[in-house]
Protein backbone atom coordinates (compact mmCIF):
# COMPACT_ATOMS: atom_id res chain seq x y z
CA UNK A 1 -9.33 -9.74 -15.89
CA UNK A 2 -6.13 -11.38 -14.71
CA UNK A 3 -5.60 -13.02 -18.09
CA UNK A 4 -6.05 -9.67 -19.83
CA UNK A 5 -3.37 -8.20 -17.57
CA UNK A 6 -1.00 -11.07 -18.33
CA UNK A 7 -1.58 -10.80 -22.07
CA UNK A 8 -1.26 -7.03 -22.36
CA UNK A 9 1.39 -6.01 -19.83
CA UNK A 10 3.02 -9.40 -19.23
CA UNK A 11 5.36 -9.50 -22.25
CA UNK A 12 6.42 -5.88 -21.70
CA UNK A 13 6.95 -6.63 -17.99
CA UNK A 14 9.17 -9.63 -18.76
CA UNK A 15 11.01 -7.88 -21.59
CA UNK A 16 11.97 -4.78 -19.65
CA UNK A 17 13.22 -6.84 -16.70
CA UNK A 18 15.30 -9.07 -18.98
CA UNK A 19 16.75 -5.99 -20.70
CA UNK A 20 17.50 -4.32 -17.36
CA UNK A 21 19.25 -7.37 -15.93
CA UNK A 22 21.15 -8.09 -19.15
CA UNK A 23 22.47 -4.54 -19.53
CA UNK A 24 23.31 -4.30 -15.84
CA UNK A 25 25.40 -7.45 -16.04
CA UNK A 26 27.12 -6.52 -19.30
CA UNK A 27 27.79 -2.84 -18.56
CA UNK A 28 27.18 -2.10 -14.85
CA UNK A 29 28.69 1.40 -14.99
CA UNK A 30 26.20 2.81 -17.51
CA UNK A 31 23.79 5.50 -16.38
CA UNK A 32 21.07 4.02 -18.61
CA UNK A 33 20.71 1.14 -16.15
CA UNK A 34 19.19 3.44 -13.54
CA UNK A 35 16.51 4.61 -15.98
CA UNK A 36 15.77 1.04 -17.03
CA UNK A 37 15.45 -0.01 -13.40
CA UNK A 38 13.02 2.84 -12.69
CA UNK A 39 10.95 1.93 -15.76
CA UNK A 40 10.97 -1.75 -14.75
CA UNK A 41 9.78 -0.88 -11.25
CA UNK A 42 6.97 1.28 -12.62
CA UNK A 43 5.85 -1.48 -15.00
CA UNK A 44 6.02 -3.95 -12.10
CA UNK A 45 3.67 -1.80 -10.01
CA UNK A 46 1.25 -1.54 -12.92
CA UNK A 47 1.54 -5.26 -13.62
CA UNK A 48 0.76 -6.31 -10.06
CA UNK A 49 -2.01 -3.76 -9.66
CA UNK A 50 -3.91 -5.66 -12.36
CA UNK A 51 -4.27 -8.67 -10.05
CA UNK A 52 -6.46 -6.78 -7.58
CA UNK A 53 -10.04 -5.64 -7.96
CA UNK A 54 -10.96 -2.01 -8.45
CA UNK A 55 -10.78 -1.10 -4.77
CA UNK A 56 -7.71 -3.26 -4.16
CA UNK A 57 -5.97 -1.65 -7.14
CA UNK A 58 -6.50 1.81 -5.67
CA UNK A 59 -5.03 0.73 -2.32
CA UNK A 60 -2.09 -1.01 -4.00
CA UNK A 61 -1.25 2.06 -6.08
CA UNK A 62 -1.68 4.34 -3.05
CA UNK A 63 0.66 2.23 -0.93
CA UNK A 64 3.19 2.08 -3.78
CA UNK A 65 3.03 5.86 -4.17
CA UNK A 66 3.53 6.39 -0.43
CA UNK A 67 6.54 4.04 -0.39
CA UNK A 68 8.14 5.97 -3.26
CA UNK A 69 7.54 9.26 -1.44
CA UNK A 70 9.04 7.80 1.73
CA UNK A 71 12.11 6.73 -0.24
CA UNK A 72 12.44 10.18 -1.79
CA UNK A 73 12.32 11.69 1.69
CA UNK A 74 14.76 9.22 3.25
CA UNK A 75 17.56 9.38 0.65
CA UNK A 76 18.50 13.04 1.28
CA UNK A 77 18.15 12.53 5.02
CA UNK A 78 20.46 9.52 4.97
CA UNK A 79 22.99 11.38 2.80
CA UNK A 80 23.07 14.24 5.31
CA UNK A 81 23.56 11.78 8.18
CA UNK A 82 26.35 10.11 6.23
CA UNK A 83 28.05 13.49 5.72
CA UNK A 84 27.83 14.28 9.44
CA UNK A 85 29.26 10.88 10.29
CA UNK A 86 32.10 11.36 7.81
CA UNK A 87 32.93 14.77 9.30
CA UNK A 88 33.07 13.22 12.78
CA UNK A 89 35.37 10.35 11.75
CA UNK A 90 37.59 12.43 9.48
CA UNK A 91 38.88 15.85 10.34
CA UNK A 92 37.13 19.10 9.54
CA UNK A 93 38.81 20.43 6.39
CA UNK A 94 37.62 22.38 3.33
CA UNK A 95 37.92 19.27 1.16
CA UNK A 96 35.71 17.25 3.48
CA UNK A 97 33.13 20.01 3.79
CA UNK A 98 32.64 20.05 0.03
């Protein structure tokens, strides 16, 4: 089972990570890099889920899903806290409110 995972997803896993790192080093300002990183992370989760049994795979995917949801919840919260902190350090002006 592990060898099947390495043979089927392994080359795609390695290729997408090499492409992501190469393009990020060559052109770090491109928006495509964020999509490649997200795709590489999704392939990584699928790749590593193949190393567990059926029940372990379900738990691994569930924990990965919950971590992504936690990140999606925390990013807006941290941005709001950053905006409040910026308003405290700077002055309250229309430019800062925007």
